[in-house]
N, C-alpha and C. Protein backbone atom coordinates (compact mmCIF):
# COMPACT_ATOMS: atom_id res chain seq x y z
N MET A 1 31.11 -91.77 6.43
CA MET A 1 30.56 -90.37 6.11
C MET A 1 31.28 -89.88 7.63
N ARG A 2 31.65 -88.38 7.08
CA ARG A 2 32.21 -87.57 8.73
C ARG A 2 31.00 -86.32 9.13
N VAL A 3 30.90 -86.18 10.00
CA VAL A 3 29.89 -84.95 10.64
C VAL A 3 30.21 -83.60 10.69
N PRO A 4 29.38 -82.74 9.99
CA PRO A 4 30.20 -81.18 9.75
C PRO A 4 30.20 -80.75 11.34
N GLY A 5 31.60 -79.60 11.37
CA GLY A 5 31.85 -78.66 12.47
C GLY A 5 33.26 -79.04 12.22
N ILE A 6 33.93 -78.68 11.36
CA ILE A 6 35.83 -78.31 11.47
C ILE A 6 35.92 -76.96 11.95
N PRO A 7 36.99 -76.91 13.06
CA PRO A 7 36.63 -75.52 13.34
C PRO A 7 37.28 -74.20 12.03
N ASP A 8 37.07 -73.11 12.20
CA ASP A 8 37.15 -72.32 11.47
C ASP A 8 38.38 -71.89 11.53
N GLU A 9 39.16 -72.55 12.39
CA GLU A 9 40.88 -71.87 12.56
C GLU A 9 41.57 -73.06 11.71
N GLU A 10 40.74 -74.00 11.57
CA GLU A 10 41.09 -74.60 10.30
C GLU A 10 41.31 -74.77 9.09
N PHE A 11 40.61 -73.77 8.55
CA PHE A 11 40.69 -73.35 7.19
C PHE A 11 41.54 -72.52 6.90
N ILE A 12 42.31 -72.36 5.77
CA ILE A 12 43.27 -71.38 5.05
C ILE A 12 42.45 -70.38 4.96
N ARG A 13 42.61 -68.78 5.48
CA ARG A 13 41.87 -68.08 4.85
C ARG A 13 42.67 -66.78 4.58
N GLU A 14 41.71 -65.83 4.00
CA GLU A 14 42.08 -64.49 3.29
C GLU A 14 40.98 -63.04 4.26
N GLU A 15 41.87 -62.31 4.51
CA GLU A 15 40.92 -61.32 4.88
C GLU A 15 39.88 -60.92 4.27
N LYS A 16 40.08 -60.58 2.85
CA LYS A 16 38.12 -60.21 2.65
C LYS A 16 37.76 -61.33 2.11
N ILE A 17 37.92 -62.34 1.90
CA ILE A 17 37.79 -63.45 1.17
C ILE A 17 36.18 -64.15 2.52
N PRO A 18 34.75 -64.04 2.02
CA PRO A 18 34.06 -64.61 3.09
C PRO A 18 33.64 -66.20 3.12
N MET A 19 33.99 -66.29 4.14
CA MET A 19 33.75 -67.69 4.60
C MET A 19 32.05 -68.05 5.49
N THR A 20 31.60 -68.95 5.34
CA THR A 20 30.22 -69.71 6.72
C THR A 20 31.22 -70.26 7.84
N LYS A 21 30.52 -68.89 8.52
CA LYS A 21 31.12 -69.78 9.90
C LYS A 21 30.52 -71.14 10.52
N GLU A 22 31.74 -71.61 11.44
CA GLU A 22 31.36 -73.02 11.82
C GLU A 22 30.04 -73.43 12.15
N GLU A 23 29.00 -72.56 12.77
CA GLU A 23 28.22 -73.13 13.53
C GLU A 23 26.79 -72.31 12.22
N ILE A 24 26.88 -72.22 11.31
CA ILE A 24 26.07 -71.69 10.30
C ILE A 24 26.07 -72.94 9.32
N ARG A 25 27.45 -73.15 8.93
CA ARG A 25 27.83 -74.28 7.70
C ARG A 25 27.04 -75.36 8.62
N VAL A 26 27.32 -76.05 9.91
CA VAL A 26 26.85 -77.50 10.29
C VAL A 26 25.21 -76.77 10.07
N LEU A 27 24.61 -75.86 10.33
CA LEU A 27 22.89 -75.83 10.34
C LEU A 27 22.48 -75.68 8.77
N ALA A 28 23.64 -75.18 7.86
CA ALA A 28 23.34 -74.84 6.22
C ALA A 28 23.70 -76.60 6.13
N LEU A 29 24.35 -77.55 6.62
CA LEU A 29 24.64 -78.59 5.65
C LEU A 29 23.41 -79.72 6.32
N SER A 30 23.25 -79.49 7.54
CA SER A 30 21.89 -79.87 8.37
C SER A 30 20.77 -79.69 7.63
N LYS A 31 19.98 -78.66 7.19
CA LYS A 31 19.18 -78.60 6.59
C LYS A 31 18.86 -78.90 4.91
N SER A 32 20.33 -79.22 4.75
CA SER A 32 20.55 -79.79 3.34
C SER A 32 19.86 -81.19 3.27
N ARG A 33 19.89 -81.90 4.06
CA ARG A 33 19.59 -83.07 4.26
C ARG A 33 20.98 -83.90 3.55
N LEU A 34 21.92 -83.68 3.61
CA LEU A 34 23.29 -84.52 3.27
C LEU A 34 23.32 -86.14 3.29
N PHE A 35 23.41 -86.70 2.49
CA PHE A 35 23.72 -88.25 2.71
C PHE A 35 25.03 -88.56 1.89
N VAL A 36 25.50 -90.02 2.13
CA VAL A 36 26.52 -90.63 1.26
C VAL A 36 25.96 -91.21 -0.25
N GLY A 37 26.95 -90.55 -0.90
CA GLY A 37 26.59 -90.58 -2.27
C GLY A 37 25.78 -89.41 -3.07
N ALA A 38 25.33 -88.59 -2.20
CA ALA A 38 24.44 -87.13 -2.72
C ALA A 38 25.25 -86.29 -3.65
N ARG A 39 24.53 -85.52 -4.50
CA ARG A 39 24.80 -84.67 -5.59
C ARG A 39 24.18 -83.34 -4.69
N PHE A 40 25.38 -82.42 -4.64
CA PHE A 40 25.52 -81.25 -3.72
C PHE A 40 25.97 -80.08 -5.02
N LEU A 41 25.68 -78.88 -4.88
CA LEU A 41 25.84 -78.05 -5.04
C LEU A 41 26.31 -76.25 -4.18
N ASP A 42 27.64 -76.07 -4.35
CA ASP A 42 27.46 -74.83 -3.14
C ASP A 42 28.11 -73.93 -4.10
N VAL A 43 27.16 -72.27 -4.50
CA VAL A 43 26.87 -71.73 -5.21
C VAL A 43 27.86 -70.27 -4.58
N GLY A 44 29.04 -69.47 -4.81
CA GLY A 44 29.57 -68.84 -3.75
C GLY A 44 30.53 -69.36 -3.25
N SER A 45 31.46 -70.09 -3.41
CA SER A 45 32.39 -71.05 -2.66
C SER A 45 33.19 -70.14 -1.71
N GLY A 46 33.29 -68.81 -1.54
CA GLY A 46 34.65 -68.01 -1.21
C GLY A 46 36.10 -69.09 -1.12
N THR A 47 35.85 -69.56 0.58
CA THR A 47 36.94 -70.00 1.16
C THR A 47 36.87 -71.77 1.04
N GLY A 48 35.65 -71.65 0.74
CA GLY A 48 35.16 -73.31 0.12
C GLY A 48 35.35 -73.97 1.72
N SER A 49 34.62 -73.52 2.57
CA SER A 49 34.27 -74.16 3.86
C SER A 49 33.08 -75.14 3.69
N VAL A 50 31.66 -74.69 3.17
CA VAL A 50 31.08 -75.64 2.88
C VAL A 50 31.51 -76.50 2.14
N THR A 51 31.91 -76.15 1.11
CA THR A 51 32.58 -77.02 0.30
C THR A 51 32.86 -78.13 0.35
N VAL A 52 33.94 -77.98 1.08
CA VAL A 52 34.83 -79.01 2.06
C VAL A 52 34.45 -79.61 2.84
N GLU A 53 32.76 -78.88 3.42
CA GLU A 53 32.40 -80.31 4.59
C GLU A 53 31.29 -81.23 4.16
N ALA A 54 30.86 -80.77 2.93
CA ALA A 54 30.06 -81.35 2.40
C ALA A 54 30.58 -82.67 1.52
N ALA A 55 31.96 -82.18 1.33
CA ALA A 55 32.53 -82.97 0.26
C ALA A 55 32.59 -84.52 1.15
N LEU A 56 33.17 -84.07 2.69
CA LEU A 56 33.61 -85.15 3.28
C LEU A 56 32.25 -85.37 3.84
N VAL A 57 31.13 -85.50 3.86
CA VAL A 57 29.74 -85.63 3.80
C VAL A 57 29.60 -86.76 3.09
N VAL A 58 29.28 -86.44 1.71
CA VAL A 58 29.02 -87.43 1.50
C VAL A 58 29.70 -88.14 0.30
N GLY A 59 31.27 -88.31 0.96
CA GLY A 59 32.12 -89.28 0.54
C GLY A 59 32.49 -89.66 -0.96
N ASP A 60 33.50 -90.45 -1.08
CA ASP A 60 33.75 -90.78 -2.66
C ASP A 60 32.73 -91.19 -3.33
N LYS A 61 31.06 -91.65 -2.69
CA LYS A 61 30.39 -92.09 -3.48
C LYS A 61 29.38 -90.57 -3.77
N GLY A 62 29.95 -89.79 -3.97
CA GLY A 62 29.28 -88.20 -3.72
C GLY A 62 29.66 -87.74 -4.49
N LYS A 63 29.13 -86.10 -5.30
CA LYS A 63 30.39 -85.83 -5.72
C LYS A 63 29.63 -84.14 -5.83
N VAL A 64 30.66 -83.29 -5.05
CA VAL A 64 29.94 -81.76 -5.41
C VAL A 64 30.40 -80.91 -5.99
N TYR A 65 29.91 -80.01 -6.36
CA TYR A 65 30.24 -79.05 -7.61
C TYR A 65 30.14 -77.58 -6.62
N ALA A 66 31.22 -76.47 -6.59
CA ALA A 66 31.51 -75.21 -6.23
C ALA A 66 32.03 -74.40 -7.22
N ILE A 67 30.82 -73.73 -7.24
CA ILE A 67 30.89 -72.25 -8.41
C ILE A 67 31.57 -70.96 -7.40
N GLU A 68 32.58 -70.53 -7.96
CA GLU A 68 33.01 -68.97 -7.92
C GLU A 68 33.66 -67.92 -8.78
N LYS A 69 33.28 -66.75 -8.95
CA LYS A 69 33.46 -66.19 -9.25
C LYS A 69 35.29 -65.28 -9.09
N GLU A 70 35.15 -65.10 -7.87
CA GLU A 70 36.52 -63.91 -7.93
C GLU A 70 37.62 -65.24 -7.74
N ASP A 71 38.68 -64.46 -8.28
CA ASP A 71 40.21 -65.49 -8.58
C ASP A 71 40.53 -65.72 -7.15
N ASN A 72 40.53 -65.04 -6.32
CA ASN A 72 41.30 -64.86 -5.11
C ASN A 72 40.82 -66.04 -4.07
N ALA A 73 39.27 -65.83 -4.32
CA ALA A 73 38.09 -67.26 -3.71
C ALA A 73 38.52 -68.22 -4.19
N TYR A 74 38.51 -68.11 -5.65
CA TYR A 74 38.35 -69.82 -5.93
C TYR A 74 39.72 -70.52 -6.03
N ASN A 75 40.53 -69.73 -5.95
CA ASN A 75 41.98 -70.06 -5.85
C ASN A 75 42.33 -70.56 -4.03
N LEU A 76 41.67 -69.62 -3.21
CA LEU A 76 41.28 -70.49 -1.92
C LEU A 76 40.60 -72.07 -1.39
N THR A 77 39.40 -72.02 -2.30
CA THR A 77 38.80 -72.79 -2.49
C THR A 77 39.32 -74.37 -2.82
N LEU A 78 40.67 -73.75 -4.31
CA LEU A 78 41.50 -75.22 -4.43
C LEU A 78 42.20 -75.28 -3.13
N LYS A 79 42.75 -74.35 -2.26
CA LYS A 79 44.03 -74.70 -1.56
C LYS A 79 43.32 -75.54 0.02
N ASN A 80 42.01 -74.90 0.06
CA ASN A 80 41.47 -76.33 1.25
C ASN A 80 40.85 -77.21 0.46
N LEU A 81 40.50 -77.44 -0.62
CA LEU A 81 40.39 -78.98 -1.19
C LEU A 81 41.70 -79.57 -0.57
N GLU A 82 43.12 -79.14 -1.01
CA GLU A 82 43.96 -79.84 -1.20
C GLU A 82 44.49 -80.20 0.48
N LYS A 83 44.07 -78.75 0.88
CA LYS A 83 44.33 -79.76 2.81
C LYS A 83 44.08 -80.54 3.15
N PHE A 84 42.53 -80.30 2.81
CA PHE A 84 41.33 -81.07 3.19
C PHE A 84 41.55 -82.74 2.67
N ASN A 85 42.07 -82.75 1.97
CA ASN A 85 42.80 -83.92 0.76
C ASN A 85 41.30 -84.41 0.52
N VAL A 86 40.20 -83.36 0.15
CA VAL A 86 38.87 -83.51 -0.41
C VAL A 86 39.12 -83.57 -2.54
N ARG A 87 38.69 -84.62 -3.02
CA ARG A 87 38.78 -85.33 -4.40
C ARG A 87 37.86 -85.50 -5.11
N ASN A 88 36.67 -85.39 -4.21
CA ASN A 88 35.47 -85.53 -5.07
C ASN A 88 34.70 -83.75 -5.54
N VAL A 89 35.15 -83.22 -5.86
CA VAL A 89 35.05 -81.93 -6.36
C VAL A 89 35.21 -81.04 -7.25
N GLU A 90 34.31 -80.48 -8.19
CA GLU A 90 34.64 -79.77 -9.13
C GLU A 90 34.35 -78.63 -9.01
N VAL A 91 35.66 -77.29 -9.19
CA VAL A 91 35.17 -76.31 -8.78
C VAL A 91 35.48 -75.97 -10.38
N ILE A 92 34.28 -74.73 -10.22
CA ILE A 92 33.85 -74.14 -11.69
C ILE A 92 34.54 -72.49 -11.68
N LYS A 93 34.72 -72.26 -12.32
CA LYS A 93 35.22 -70.22 -12.66
C LYS A 93 34.16 -69.91 -13.39
N GLY A 94 33.33 -69.16 -12.58
CA GLY A 94 32.37 -68.35 -13.24
C GLY A 94 31.50 -67.96 -11.97
N GLU A 95 30.36 -67.07 -12.77
CA GLU A 95 29.46 -66.38 -12.38
C GLU A 95 28.32 -66.77 -11.96
N ALA A 96 27.21 -67.28 -10.92
CA ALA A 96 26.02 -67.49 -11.13
C ALA A 96 25.29 -66.36 -11.34
N PRO A 97 23.98 -66.71 -12.47
CA PRO A 97 23.52 -68.03 -12.09
C PRO A 97 23.84 -68.56 -13.48
N GLU A 98 25.21 -68.14 -14.40
CA GLU A 98 25.57 -68.63 -15.75
C GLU A 98 26.16 -69.90 -15.75
N ALA A 99 26.89 -69.98 -14.43
CA ALA A 99 27.73 -70.70 -14.45
C ALA A 99 27.55 -72.36 -14.30
N ILE A 100 26.31 -72.01 -13.32
CA ILE A 100 25.14 -73.01 -13.36
C ILE A 100 24.88 -74.37 -14.26
N ASP A 101 24.94 -73.64 -15.39
CA ASP A 101 25.01 -74.61 -16.68
C ASP A 101 25.80 -75.66 -16.76
N LYS A 102 26.96 -75.20 -16.16
CA LYS A 102 27.86 -76.08 -16.49
C LYS A 102 27.73 -77.37 -15.43
N VAL A 103 27.00 -77.39 -14.39
CA VAL A 103 26.92 -78.74 -13.68
C VAL A 103 26.21 -79.55 -14.70
N ASN A 104 26.60 -80.55 -15.18
CA ASN A 104 26.20 -81.87 -15.66
C ASN A 104 25.23 -82.88 -14.82
N ASP A 105 24.63 -82.75 -13.53
CA ASP A 105 24.15 -83.88 -12.91
C ASP A 105 22.64 -83.31 -12.21
N ILE A 106 21.84 -84.15 -12.10
CA ILE A 106 20.57 -84.42 -10.97
C ILE A 106 21.25 -83.94 -9.57
N LEU A 107 20.71 -82.92 -8.88
CA LEU A 107 21.37 -82.27 -7.17
C LEU A 107 20.28 -82.74 -6.70
N ASP A 108 20.89 -83.01 -5.51
CA ASP A 108 20.26 -83.84 -4.19
C ASP A 108 20.04 -82.30 -3.15
N ALA A 109 21.29 -81.67 -3.40
CA ALA A 109 20.98 -80.53 -2.28
C ALA A 109 21.63 -79.23 -2.71
N VAL A 110 21.22 -77.87 -2.82
CA VAL A 110 22.29 -76.62 -3.07
C VAL A 110 22.08 -75.95 -1.64
N PHE A 111 23.39 -74.97 -1.74
CA PHE A 111 23.77 -73.83 -1.10
C PHE A 111 24.33 -72.62 -1.72
N ILE A 112 23.34 -71.90 -1.20
CA ILE A 112 23.94 -70.67 -1.99
C ILE A 112 24.06 -69.43 -0.78
N GLY A 113 25.20 -69.67 -1.00
CA GLY A 113 26.08 -67.97 -0.22
C GLY A 113 24.92 -66.87 0.06
N GLY A 114 24.86 -66.17 1.35
CA GLY A 114 24.46 -64.16 1.65
C GLY A 114 24.88 -63.56 0.46
N GLY A 115 23.52 -62.65 0.08
CA GLY A 115 23.92 -61.71 -0.55
C GLY A 115 23.63 -61.46 -2.00
N SER A 116 23.17 -62.09 -2.86
CA SER A 116 23.40 -62.27 -3.92
C SER A 116 22.17 -61.63 -4.75
N GLU A 117 22.33 -60.47 -5.43
CA GLU A 117 21.08 -59.83 -6.01
C GLU A 117 20.44 -60.36 -7.15
N ARG A 118 21.08 -61.66 -7.48
CA ARG A 118 20.25 -62.41 -8.43
C ARG A 118 19.89 -63.57 -7.90
N ILE A 119 18.85 -63.62 -6.66
CA ILE A 119 18.63 -65.12 -6.30
C ILE A 119 17.62 -65.38 -6.99
N LYS A 120 16.80 -64.47 -7.51
CA LYS A 120 15.63 -65.20 -8.46
C LYS A 120 16.34 -66.20 -9.46
N GLU A 121 17.06 -65.52 -10.47
CA GLU A 121 17.99 -66.08 -11.51
C GLU A 121 18.36 -67.72 -11.17
N ILE A 122 18.83 -67.44 -10.23
CA ILE A 122 20.04 -68.26 -9.34
C ILE A 122 19.24 -69.64 -9.25
N LEU A 123 17.99 -69.27 -8.28
CA LEU A 123 17.30 -70.21 -8.25
C LEU A 123 16.36 -70.91 -9.26
N ASP A 124 15.91 -69.82 -9.94
CA ASP A 124 15.21 -70.72 -11.45
C ASP A 124 16.61 -71.64 -12.36
N ARG A 125 17.78 -71.33 -12.19
CA ARG A 125 18.63 -72.15 -12.35
C ARG A 125 18.26 -73.44 -12.16
N VAL A 126 19.32 -73.25 -10.79
CA VAL A 126 18.93 -74.22 -9.59
C VAL A 126 17.98 -75.07 -10.08
N ASP A 127 16.38 -74.69 -10.00
CA ASP A 127 15.21 -76.02 -10.01
C ASP A 127 15.25 -76.54 -10.97
N LYS A 128 16.35 -76.13 -12.44
CA LYS A 128 16.18 -76.91 -13.08
C LYS A 128 17.16 -78.01 -13.15
N ARG A 129 18.32 -78.23 -12.19
CA ARG A 129 18.97 -79.23 -11.68
C ARG A 129 18.53 -80.00 -10.48
N LEU A 130 17.53 -80.01 -9.99
CA LEU A 130 17.36 -80.55 -8.47
C LEU A 130 16.45 -81.07 -8.83
N LYS A 131 16.68 -82.49 -7.96
CA LYS A 131 15.93 -83.85 -8.22
C LYS A 131 14.36 -83.38 -7.53
N LYS A 132 13.09 -83.87 -7.65
CA LYS A 132 12.06 -84.18 -6.59
C LYS A 132 12.41 -84.45 -5.31
N GLY A 133 11.65 -83.82 -4.16
CA GLY A 133 12.32 -83.44 -3.31
C GLY A 133 13.85 -83.39 -2.11
N GLY A 134 14.55 -82.65 -3.40
CA GLY A 134 16.10 -81.88 -3.44
C GLY A 134 15.49 -80.86 -1.81
N ARG A 135 16.89 -80.27 -1.84
CA ARG A 135 16.44 -79.34 -0.78
C ARG A 135 17.68 -78.32 -1.07
N VAL A 136 16.83 -76.85 -1.30
CA VAL A 136 17.96 -75.45 -1.40
C VAL A 136 18.16 -74.73 0.17
N VAL A 137 19.08 -74.60 0.36
CA VAL A 137 19.84 -73.37 1.61
C VAL A 137 20.32 -72.75 0.90
N ALA A 138 20.36 -71.25 1.48
CA ALA A 138 20.69 -70.20 1.79
C ALA A 138 20.78 -69.25 2.94
N ASP A 139 21.72 -68.62 3.04
CA ASP A 139 21.96 -68.27 3.85
C ASP A 139 22.01 -66.72 3.69
N ALA A 140 21.83 -65.90 4.32
CA ALA A 140 21.82 -64.15 4.42
C ALA A 140 21.82 -63.26 5.11
N ILE A 141 22.60 -62.21 5.21
CA ILE A 141 22.69 -61.28 6.50
C ILE A 141 21.75 -60.00 6.60
N LEU A 142 21.43 -59.57 5.31
CA LEU A 142 20.49 -58.52 5.18
C LEU A 142 18.94 -59.28 4.88
N ILE A 143 18.05 -58.50 5.54
CA ILE A 143 16.86 -59.01 5.20
C ILE A 143 16.21 -58.76 4.26
N GLU A 144 16.40 -57.81 3.19
CA GLU A 144 16.02 -57.80 1.89
C GLU A 144 16.84 -59.55 1.17
N THR A 145 17.88 -59.82 1.56
CA THR A 145 17.84 -60.58 0.64
C THR A 145 17.22 -62.15 1.00
N ALA A 146 16.90 -62.06 2.09
CA ALA A 146 15.97 -63.42 2.67
C ALA A 146 14.92 -62.88 2.34
N VAL A 147 13.88 -61.90 2.46
CA VAL A 147 12.43 -61.90 1.74
C VAL A 147 12.76 -61.85 0.28
N ASN A 148 13.59 -61.67 -0.08
CA ASN A 148 13.60 -62.37 -1.61
C ASN A 148 13.82 -63.57 -2.06
N THR A 149 15.00 -64.03 -1.30
CA THR A 149 15.12 -65.46 -1.41
C THR A 149 13.82 -66.69 -1.02
N VAL A 150 13.04 -66.04 -0.08
CA VAL A 150 11.90 -66.97 0.25
C VAL A 150 10.86 -65.89 -0.83
N SER A 151 10.40 -65.03 -1.17
CA SER A 151 10.22 -65.03 -2.53
C SER A 151 9.81 -65.75 -3.41
N ALA A 152 11.25 -65.95 -4.15
CA ALA A 152 11.78 -67.12 -5.03
C ALA A 152 11.05 -68.25 -4.95
N MET A 153 11.80 -68.67 -3.49
CA MET A 153 11.33 -70.39 -3.72
C MET A 153 10.09 -70.57 -3.98
N GLU A 154 9.42 -69.51 -2.53
CA GLU A 154 7.88 -69.82 -3.22
C GLU A 154 7.26 -70.03 -4.35
N LYS A 155 7.43 -68.97 -5.22
CA LYS A 155 6.95 -68.53 -6.79
C LYS A 155 7.42 -69.70 -7.24
N LEU A 156 8.32 -70.78 -7.13
CA LEU A 156 8.54 -71.74 -7.54
C LEU A 156 7.75 -73.33 -7.07
N GLY A 157 7.30 -73.11 -5.57
CA GLY A 157 6.44 -73.69 -5.47
C GLY A 157 7.14 -74.43 -4.53
N TYR A 158 8.30 -74.23 -3.78
CA TYR A 158 8.51 -75.09 -2.80
C TYR A 158 8.09 -74.98 -0.81
N LYS A 159 8.32 -75.94 -0.54
CA LYS A 159 8.35 -75.42 0.71
C LYS A 159 9.25 -75.07 1.64
N THR A 160 8.54 -74.13 2.21
CA THR A 160 9.90 -73.11 2.53
C THR A 160 9.78 -72.54 3.71
N GLU A 161 10.86 -72.37 4.65
CA GLU A 161 11.12 -72.23 6.46
C GLU A 161 12.24 -71.13 5.94
N ILE A 162 12.04 -70.25 7.08
CA ILE A 162 13.37 -69.38 7.32
C ILE A 162 13.46 -69.17 9.22
N ILE A 163 14.49 -69.21 9.13
CA ILE A 163 15.21 -69.27 10.36
C ILE A 163 16.90 -68.20 11.13
N GLU A 164 16.32 -67.42 12.01
CA GLU A 164 17.23 -66.52 12.09
C GLU A 164 18.20 -66.67 13.36
N VAL A 165 19.35 -67.05 13.08
CA VAL A 165 20.55 -68.02 14.02
C VAL A 165 21.21 -66.72 14.63
N ILE A 166 21.43 -66.50 15.96
CA ILE A 166 21.91 -65.21 16.62
C ILE A 166 23.57 -65.83 17.35
N VAL A 167 24.61 -66.57 16.95
CA VAL A 167 25.63 -66.84 17.59
C VAL A 167 26.37 -65.95 18.48
N ALA A 168 26.18 -66.80 19.65
CA ALA A 168 27.67 -66.02 20.64
C ALA A 168 28.40 -66.46 21.02
N LYS A 169 29.66 -66.84 21.07
CA LYS A 169 30.83 -67.15 21.34
C LYS A 169 31.85 -66.39 22.68
N GLY A 170 31.85 -67.52 23.86
CA GLY A 170 32.83 -66.75 24.70
C GLY A 170 34.04 -66.42 24.40
N MET A 171 34.34 -65.67 24.91
CA MET A 171 36.21 -65.02 24.48
C MET A 171 36.46 -64.98 26.48
N LYS A 172 37.74 -65.18 26.73
CA LYS A 172 38.01 -65.64 27.90
C LYS A 172 38.71 -64.19 28.14
N THR A 173 38.50 -63.61 29.71
CA THR A 173 39.00 -62.88 30.52
C THR A 173 39.32 -62.94 31.75
N SER A 174 40.03 -61.61 32.33
CA SER A 174 40.60 -61.81 33.18
C SER A 174 39.81 -62.62 34.35
N LYS A 175 38.57 -62.51 34.28
CA LYS A 175 37.51 -62.86 35.57
C LYS A 175 36.43 -63.88 34.73
N GLY A 176 36.80 -64.22 34.16
CA GLY A 176 35.69 -65.46 33.04
C GLY A 176 35.63 -65.16 32.01
N TYR A 177 34.74 -65.75 31.33
CA TYR A 177 34.13 -65.86 29.59
C TYR A 177 33.07 -64.65 29.33
N ALA A 178 33.67 -63.81 28.34
CA ALA A 178 32.57 -62.61 27.98
C ALA A 178 31.59 -63.14 26.92
N MET A 179 30.57 -63.36 26.14
CA MET A 179 29.90 -63.86 25.47
C MET A 179 29.55 -62.62 24.36
N ILE A 180 30.65 -63.12 23.37
CA ILE A 180 30.82 -61.84 22.26
C ILE A 180 29.65 -62.26 21.03
N SER A 181 28.45 -62.12 20.38
CA SER A 181 27.73 -61.92 19.55
C SER A 181 28.00 -61.79 18.06
N ARG A 182 27.96 -62.79 17.29
CA ARG A 182 28.59 -62.22 16.15
C ARG A 182 27.05 -61.44 15.40
N ASN A 183 27.13 -61.27 14.06
CA ASN A 183 26.37 -60.71 13.21
C ASN A 183 24.99 -62.03 13.10
N PRO A 184 23.61 -61.15 13.41
CA PRO A 184 22.52 -62.85 12.99
C PRO A 184 22.75 -63.32 11.21
N VAL A 185 22.32 -64.21 11.43
CA VAL A 185 22.45 -64.61 9.79
C VAL A 185 20.88 -65.33 9.93
N PHE A 186 19.93 -65.48 8.51
CA PHE A 186 19.04 -66.15 8.00
C PHE A 186 19.46 -66.93 7.51
N VAL A 187 18.97 -67.92 7.27
CA VAL A 187 18.82 -69.73 7.02
C VAL A 187 17.57 -69.67 6.72
N ILE A 188 17.87 -69.68 5.38
CA ILE A 188 16.62 -70.21 4.30
C ILE A 188 16.36 -71.25 4.21
N TYR A 189 15.19 -72.41 4.07
CA TYR A 189 15.42 -73.46 3.39
C TYR A 189 14.39 -73.87 2.63
N GLY A 190 14.50 -74.86 1.48
CA GLY A 190 13.30 -74.99 0.79
C GLY A 190 13.26 -76.31 0.05
N GLU A 191 12.30 -77.11 0.00
CA GLU A 191 12.13 -78.32 -0.27
C GLU A 191 11.41 -78.65 -1.98
N LYS A 192 11.79 -79.14 -3.02
CA LYS A 192 10.73 -79.37 -4.06
C LYS A 192 10.36 -80.23 -4.01
N VAL A 193 9.14 -79.49 -3.78
CA VAL A 193 7.85 -80.61 -3.87
C VAL A 193 7.14 -81.09 -5.27
């Protein structure tokens, strides 16, 4: 098992394709409570950073599914899987929630990338594949997305929590380090009871 925390700059990137940043990725995977042999779903894989890190944690005995609707992001996920020599992943081309039906497995954990306008529908489909005690983690930059996610999780009866994370990274200047803040991110996680 490998502990999450691959530096962002090690991933192959394209400017308009979103990536869950290192610190948020580490927190999201921690809240997922992944383990060797787990079954994990990444909804909206983007660059594939969460997919890659989850696959390294669950190991060869585990399985990761990644769903991505955009052609460029789908291809970028495949490139990053190749770069990190990850083989325990099935990448599904399609849009959630419909593409979730292509996952024929009982899941231990799910990550949903931020911004989904269809979060309730996605969570309804995920719930049908998530084992009891399984966890769903979602990130969001919009307050509305966070509220909708918490509400949908609570309606499903999940034990739910939300945290707001603000990360500032040091930038070296001629006189020392200036802390440059990234946008705040909500991390919502729920456990199926």
